[in-house]
PDB file of all heavy atoms in Angstrom:
ATOM      1  N   ALA A   1      78.784 -41.368 121.445  1.00  0.00           N
ATOM      2  CA  ALA A   1      79.396 -41.068 120.144  1.00  0.00           C
ATOM      3  C   ALA A   1      79.878 -42.394 119.524  1.00  0.00           C
ATOM      4  O   ALA A   1      80.943 -42.885 119.859  1.00  0.00           O
ATOM      5  CB  ALA A   1      80.548 -40.068 120.286  1.00  0.00           C
ATOM      6  N   ILE A   2      79.075 -42.958 118.641  1.00  0.00           N
ATOM      7  CA  ILE A   2      79.373 -44.303 118.124  1.00  0.00           C
ATOM      8  C   ILE A   2      78.793 -44.439 116.714  1.00  0.00           C
ATOM      9  O   ILE A   2      77.921 -43.671 116.331  1.00  0.00           O
ATOM     10  CB  ILE A   2      78.736 -45.376 119.065  1.00  0.00           C
ATOM     11  CG1 ILE A   2      79.304 -46.771 118.776  1.00  0.00           C
ATOM     12  CG2 ILE A   2      77.218 -45.331 119.023  1.00  0.00           C
ATOM     13  CD1 ILE A   2      80.731 -46.983 119.232  1.00  0.00           C
ATOM     14  N   GLY A   3      79.331 -45.344 115.938  1.00  0.00           N
ATOM     15  CA  GLY A   3      78.737 -45.698 114.660  1.00  0.00           C
ATOM     16  C   GLY A   3      79.647 -45.737 113.462  1.00  0.00           C
ATOM     17  O   GLY A   3      79.359 -46.474 112.511  1.00  0.00           O
ATOM     18  N   ILE A   4      80.761 -45.029 113.460  1.00  0.00           N
ATOM     19  CA  ILE A   4      81.578 -44.974 112.255  1.00  0.00           C
ATOM     20  C   ILE A   4      82.151 -46.335 111.874  1.00  0.00           C
ATOM     21  O   ILE A   4      82.302 -46.671 110.692  1.00  0.00           O
ATOM     22  CB  ILE A   4      82.701 -43.902 112.384  1.00  0.00           C
ATOM     23  CG1 ILE A   4      83.379 -43.659 111.017  1.00  0.00           C
ATOM     24  CG2 ILE A   4      83.706 -44.327 113.452  1.00  0.00           C
ATOM     25  CD1 ILE A   4      82.482 -43.113 109.969  1.00  0.00           C
ATOM     26  N   ASN A   5      82.453 -47.179 112.881  1.00  0.00           N
ATOM     27  CA  ASN A   5      83.025 -48.506 112.580  1.00  0.00           C
ATOM     28  C   ASN A   5      81.987 -49.412 111.918  1.00  0.00           C
ATOM     29  O   ASN A   5      82.369 -50.339 111.189  1.00  0.00           O
ATOM     30  CB  ASN A   5      83.597 -49.133 113.819  1.00  0.00           C
ATOM     31  CG  ASN A   5      84.863 -48.457 114.271  1.00  0.00           C
ATOM     32  OD1 ASN A   5      85.687 -48.032 113.461  1.00  0.00           O
ATOM     33  ND2 ASN A   5      85.039 -48.339 115.580  1.00  0.00           N
ATOM     34  N   ASN A   6      80.717 -49.182 112.224  1.00  0.00           N
ATOM     35  CA  ASN A   6      79.650 -49.974 111.521  1.00  0.00           C
ATOM     36  C   ASN A   6      79.715 -49.711 110.018  1.00  0.00           C
ATOM     37  O   ASN A   6      79.481 -50.605 109.234  1.00  0.00           O
ATOM     38  CB  ASN A   6      78.259 -49.606 112.066  1.00  0.00           C
ATOM     39  CG  ASN A   6      78.077 -50.033 113.489  1.00  0.00           C
ATOM     40  OD1 ASN A   6      78.618 -49.429 114.414  1.00  0.00           O
ATOM     41  ND2 ASN A   6      77.248 -51.064 113.677  1.00  0.00           N
ATOM     42  N   LEU A   7      80.015 -48.457 109.671  1.00  0.00           N
ATOM     43  CA  LEU A   7      80.083 -48.105 108.237  1.00  0.00           C
ATOM     44  C   LEU A   7      81.344 -48.584 107.581  1.00  0.00           C
ATOM     45  O   LEU A   7      81.291 -49.224 106.524  1.00  0.00           O
ATOM     46  CB  LEU A   7      79.975 -46.572 108.090  1.00  0.00           C
ATOM     47  CG  LEU A   7      78.645 -45.901 108.528  1.00  0.00           C
ATOM     48  CD1 LEU A   7      78.776 -44.409 108.312  1.00  0.00           C
ATOM     49  CD2 LEU A   7      77.478 -46.430 107.772  1.00  0.00           C
ATOM     50  N   VAL A   8      82.484 -48.257 108.171  1.00  0.00           N
ATOM     51  CA  VAL A   8      83.774 -48.436 107.447  1.00  0.00           C
ATOM     52  C   VAL A   8      84.352 -49.814 107.656  1.00  0.00           C
ATOM     53  O   VAL A   8      85.219 -50.218 106.886  1.00  0.00           O
ATOM     54  CB  VAL A   8      84.807 -47.363 107.839  1.00  0.00           C
ATOM     55  CG1 VAL A   8      84.258 -45.975 107.500  1.00  0.00           C
ATOM     56  CG2 VAL A   8      85.172 -47.432 109.310  1.00  0.00           C
ATOM     57  N   VAL A   9      83.943 -50.519 108.697  1.00  0.00           N
ATOM     58  CA  VAL A   9      84.457 -51.875 108.965  1.00  0.00           C
ATOM     59  C   VAL A   9      83.362 -52.925 108.880  1.00  0.00           C
ATOM     60  O   VAL A   9      83.516 -53.991 108.294  1.00  0.00           O
ATOM     61  CB  VAL A   9      85.145 -51.944 110.327  1.00  0.00           C
ATOM     62  CG1 VAL A   9      85.677 -53.361 110.602  1.00  0.00           C
ATOM     63  CG2 VAL A   9      86.292 -50.934 110.427  1.00  0.00           C
ATOM     64  N   GLY A  10      82.205 -52.638 109.483  1.00  0.00           N
ATOM     65  CA  GLY A  10      81.147 -53.603 109.568  1.00  0.00           C
ATOM     66  C   GLY A  10      80.309 -53.799 108.343  1.00  0.00           C
ATOM     67  O   GLY A  10      79.592 -54.779 108.245  1.00  0.00           O
ATOM     68  N   GLY A  11      80.373 -52.839 107.411  1.00  0.00           N
ATOM     69  CA  GLY A  11      79.603 -52.985 106.182  1.00  0.00           C
ATOM     70  C   GLY A  11      78.124 -52.728 106.376  1.00  0.00           C
ATOM     71  O   GLY A  11      77.313 -53.078 105.507  1.00  0.00           O
ATOM     72  N   ASP A  12      77.702 -52.121 107.476  1.00  0.00           N
ATOM     73  CA  ASP A  12      76.306 -51.798 107.713  1.00  0.00           C
ATOM     74  C   ASP A  12      75.870 -50.602 106.858  1.00  0.00           C
ATOM     75  O   ASP A  12      76.687 -49.732 106.546  1.00  0.00           O
ATOM     76  CB  ASP A  12      76.019 -51.474 109.179  1.00  0.00           C
ATOM     77  CG  ASP A  12      76.243 -52.714 110.092  1.00  0.00           C
ATOM     78  OD1 ASP A  12      76.239 -53.834 109.564  1.00  0.00           O
ATOM     79  OD2 ASP A  12      76.416 -52.493 111.309  1.00  0.00           O
ATOM     80  N   SER A  13      74.604 -50.551 106.523  1.00  0.00           N
ATOM     81  CA  SER A  13      74.084 -49.390 105.831  1.00  0.00           C
ATOM     82  C   SER A  13      73.921 -48.224 106.767  1.00  0.00           C
ATOM     83  O   SER A  13      73.988 -48.393 108.013  1.00  0.00           O
ATOM     84  CB  SER A  13      72.703 -49.696 105.219  1.00  0.00           C
ATOM     85  OG  SER A  13      71.736 -49.843 106.203  1.00  0.00           O
ATOM     86  N   ALA A  14      73.714 -47.046 106.236  1.00  0.00           N
ATOM     87  CA  ALA A  14      73.515 -45.881 107.083  1.00  0.00           C
ATOM     88  C   ALA A  14      72.264 -46.055 107.972  1.00  0.00           C
ATOM     89  O   ALA A  14      72.315 -45.742 109.157  1.00  0.00           O
ATOM     90  CB  ALA A  14      73.369 -44.618 106.229  1.00  0.00           C
ATOM     91  N   ASP A  15      71.183 -46.594 107.400  1.00  0.00           N
ATOM     92  CA  ASP A  15      69.985 -46.749 108.200  1.00  0.00           C
ATOM     93  C   ASP A  15      70.154 -47.816 109.288  1.00  0.00           C
ATOM     94  O   ASP A  15      69.669 -47.631 110.412  1.00  0.00           O
ATOM     95  CB  ASP A  15      68.798 -47.129 107.301  1.00  0.00           C
ATOM     96  CG  ASP A  15      68.294 -45.927 106.492  1.00  0.00           C
ATOM     97  OD1 ASP A  15      69.059 -45.398 105.655  1.00  0.00           O
ATOM     98  OD2 ASP A  15      67.148 -45.516 106.733  1.00  0.00           O
ATOM     99  N   GLU A  16      70.888 -48.889 108.984  1.00  0.00           N
ATOM    100  CA  GLU A  16      71.143 -49.905 110.004  1.00  0.00           C
ATOM    101  C   GLU A  16      72.018 -49.304 111.133  1.00  0.00           C
ATOM    102  O   GLU A  16      71.788 -49.577 112.301  1.00  0.00           O
ATOM    103  CB  GLU A  16      71.858 -51.081 109.375  1.00  0.00           C
ATOM    104  CG  GLU A  16      70.981 -51.941 108.473  1.00  0.00           C
ATOM    105  CD  GLU A  16      71.759 -52.943 107.654  1.00  0.00           C
ATOM    106  OE1 GLU A  16      72.967 -52.721 107.430  1.00  0.00           O
ATOM    107  OE2 GLU A  16      71.166 -53.905 107.191  1.00  0.00           O
ATOM    108  N   THR A  17      73.007 -48.538 110.729  1.00  0.00           N
ATOM    109  CA  THR A  17      73.880 -47.905 111.724  1.00  0.00           C
ATOM    110  C   THR A  17      73.089 -46.949 112.594  1.00  0.00           C
ATOM    111  O   THR A  17      73.244 -46.888 113.833  1.00  0.00           O
ATOM    112  CB  THR A  17      75.032 -47.169 111.034  1.00  0.00           C
ATOM    113  OG1 THR A  17      75.781 -48.094 110.247  1.00  0.00           O
ATOM    114  CG2 THR A  17      75.935 -46.490 112.043  1.00  0.00           C
ATOM    115  N   ALA A  18      72.214 -46.161 111.981  1.00  0.00           N
ATOM    116  CA  ALA A  18      71.398 -45.226 112.773  1.00  0.00           C
ATOM    117  C   ALA A  18      70.514 -45.969 113.780  1.00  0.00           C
ATOM    118  O   ALA A  18      70.387 -45.504 114.909  1.00  0.00           O
ATOM    119  CB  ALA A  18      70.515 -44.415 111.817  1.00  0.00           C
ATOM    120  N   GLU A  19      69.947 -47.079 113.388  1.00  0.00           N
ATOM    121  CA  GLU A  19      69.111 -47.834 114.328  1.00  0.00           C
ATOM    122  C   GLU A  19      69.954 -48.381 115.486  1.00  0.00           C
ATOM    123  O   GLU A  19      69.489 -48.425 116.613  1.00  0.00           O
ATOM    124  CB  GLU A  19      68.394 -48.945 113.597  1.00  0.00           C
ATOM    125  CG  GLU A  19      67.236 -48.476 112.751  1.00  0.00           C
ATOM    126  CD  GLU A  19      66.237 -47.638 113.525  1.00  0.00           C
ATOM    127  OE1 GLU A  19      65.748 -48.087 114.568  1.00  0.00           O
ATOM    128  OE2 GLU A  19      65.976 -46.472 113.096  1.00  0.00           O
ATOM    129  N   GLY A  20      71.212 -48.742 115.189  1.00  0.00           N
ATOM    130  CA  GLY A  20      72.075 -49.173 116.263  1.00  0.00           C
ATOM    131  C   GLY A  20      72.398 -48.044 117.231  1.00  0.00           C
ATOM    132  O   GLY A  20      72.464 -48.258 118.440  1.00  0.00           O
ATOM    133  N   ILE A  21      72.607 -46.850 116.704  1.00  0.00           N
ATOM    134  CA  ILE A  21      72.870 -45.660 117.539  1.00  0.00           C
ATOM    135  C   ILE A  21      71.647 -45.370 118.425  1.00  0.00           C
ATOM    136  O   ILE A  21      71.763 -45.052 119.613  1.00  0.00           O
ATOM    137  CB  ILE A  21      73.226 -44.457 116.657  1.00  0.00           C
ATOM    138  CG1 ILE A  21      74.546 -44.685 115.937  1.00  0.00           C
ATOM    139  CG2 ILE A  21      73.330 -43.184 117.507  1.00  0.00           C
ATOM    140  CD1 ILE A  21      74.861 -43.672 114.858  1.00  0.00           C
ATOM    141  N   VAL A  22      70.483 -45.492 117.836  1.00  0.00           N
ATOM    142  CA  VAL A  22      69.231 -45.280 118.602  1.00  0.00           C
ATOM    143  C   VAL A  22      69.145 -46.272 119.739  1.00  0.00           C
ATOM    144  O   VAL A  22      68.819 -45.931 120.893  1.00  0.00           O
ATOM    145  CB  VAL A  22      67.985 -45.398 117.703  1.00  0.00           C
ATOM    146  CG1 VAL A  22      66.734 -45.433 118.521  1.00  0.00           C
ATOM    147  CG2 VAL A  22      67.955 -44.215 116.720  1.00  0.00           C
ATOM    148  N   ALA A  23      69.464 -47.567 119.452  1.00  0.00           N
ATOM    149  CA  ALA A  23      69.410 -48.580 120.480  1.00  0.00           C
ATOM    150  C   ALA A  23      70.366 -48.270 121.642  1.00  0.00           C
ATOM    151  O   ALA A  23      70.045 -48.447 122.814  1.00  0.00           O
ATOM    152  CB  ALA A  23      69.709 -49.946 119.888  1.00  0.00           C
ATOM    153  N   VAL A  24      71.554 -47.812 121.303  1.00  0.00           N
ATOM    154  CA  VAL A  24      72.542 -47.461 122.339  1.00  0.00           C
ATOM    155  C   VAL A  24      72.034 -46.295 123.176  1.00  0.00           C
ATOM    156  O   VAL A  24      72.127 -46.309 124.408  1.00  0.00           O
ATOM    157  CB  VAL A  24      73.909 -47.113 121.705  1.00  0.00           C
ATOM    158  CG1 VAL A  24      74.865 -46.483 122.750  1.00  0.00           C
ATOM    159  CG2 VAL A  24      74.552 -48.341 121.073  1.00  0.00           C
ATOM    160  N   THR A  25      71.473 -45.294 122.507  1.00  0.00           N
ATOM    161  CA  THR A  25      70.940 -44.113 123.230  1.00  0.00           C
ATOM    162  C   THR A  25      69.836 -44.468 124.148  1.00  0.00           C
ATOM    163  O   THR A  25      69.787 -44.007 125.297  1.00  0.00           O
ATOM    164  CB  THR A  25      70.496 -43.037 122.197  1.00  0.00           C
ATOM    165  OG1 THR A  25      71.570 -42.752 121.300  1.00  0.00           O
ATOM    166  CG2 THR A  25      70.068 -41.777 122.900  1.00  0.00           C
ATOM    167  N   GLU A  26      68.926 -45.308 123.679  1.00  0.00           N
ATOM    168  CA  GLU A  26      67.795 -45.696 124.525  1.00  0.00           C
ATOM    169  C   GLU A  26      68.271 -46.524 125.735  1.00  0.00           C
ATOM    170  O   GLU A  26      67.729 -46.421 126.823  1.00  0.00           O
ATOM    171  CB  GLU A  26      66.749 -46.454 123.696  1.00  0.00           C
ATOM    172  CG  GLU A  26      66.070 -45.581 122.683  1.00  0.00           C
ATOM    173  CD  GLU A  26      65.108 -46.278 121.785  1.00  0.00           C
ATOM    174  OE1 GLU A  26      65.215 -47.533 121.706  1.00  0.00           O
ATOM    175  OE2 GLU A  26      64.268 -45.619 121.158  1.00  0.00           O
ATOM    176  N   GLU A  27      69.270 -47.378 125.528  1.00  0.00           N
ATOM    177  CA  GLU A  27      69.820 -48.167 126.601  1.00  0.00           C
ATOM    178  C   GLU A  27      70.560 -47.253 127.616  1.00  0.00           C
ATOM    179  O   GLU A  27      70.497 -47.460 128.821  1.00  0.00           O
ATOM    180  CB  GLU A  27      70.767 -49.252 126.089  1.00  0.00           C
ATOM    181  CG  GLU A  27      71.266 -50.216 127.140  1.00  0.00           C
ATOM    182  CD  GLU A  27      70.152 -51.072 127.718  1.00  0.00           C
ATOM    183  OE1 GLU A  27      69.122 -51.297 127.025  1.00  0.00           O
ATOM    184  OE2 GLU A  27      70.299 -51.515 128.899  1.00  0.00           O
ATOM    185  N   ALA A  28      71.223 -46.224 127.074  1.00  0.00           N
ATOM    186  CA  ALA A  28      71.897 -45.280 127.991  1.00  0.00           C
ATOM    187  C   ALA A  28      70.879 -44.588 128.863  1.00  0.00           C
ATOM    188  O   ALA A  28      71.152 -44.323 130.050  1.00  0.00           O
ATOM    189  CB  ALA A  28      72.714 -44.268 127.191  1.00  0.00           C
ATOM    190  N   CYS A  29      69.731 -44.262 128.317  1.00  0.00           N
ATOM    191  CA  CYS A  29      68.692 -43.648 129.123  1.00  0.00           C
ATOM    192  C   CYS A  29      68.266 -44.562 130.298  1.00  0.00           C
ATOM    193  O   CYS A  29      68.001 -44.119 131.399  1.00  0.00           O
ATOM    194  CB  CYS A  29      67.489 -43.303 128.274  1.00  0.00           C
ATOM    195  SG  CYS A  29      67.723 -41.953 127.107  1.00  0.00           S
ATOM    196  N   ARG A  30      68.213 -45.843 129.988  1.00  0.00           N
ATOM    197  CA  ARG A  30      67.840 -46.831 131.050  1.00  0.00           C
ATOM    198  C   ARG A  30      68.957 -47.010 132.077  1.00  0.00           C
ATOM    199  O   ARG A  30      68.706 -47.099 133.287  1.00  0.00           O
ATOM    200  CB  ARG A  30      67.447 -48.169 130.416  1.00  0.00           C
ATOM    201  CG  ARG A  30      66.134 -48.139 129.683  1.00  0.00           C
ATOM    202  CD  ARG A  30      65.709 -49.536 129.233  1.00  0.00           C
ATOM    203  NE  ARG A  30      66.501 -50.003 128.065  1.00  0.00           N
ATOM    204  CZ  ARG A  30      66.153 -49.789 126.809  1.00  0.00           C
ATOM    205  NH1 ARG A  30      65.050 -49.136 126.510  1.00  0.00           N
ATOM    206  NH2 ARG A  30      66.900 -50.275 125.821  1.00  0.00           N
TER     207      ARG A  30
END
């Protein structure tokens, strides 16, 4: 459960944040 700080603090776009969430999820699988 991650990502809100990318939006409200980090200034990332929604699509950039989503890709970061995907990266975390894929790493968690590994």
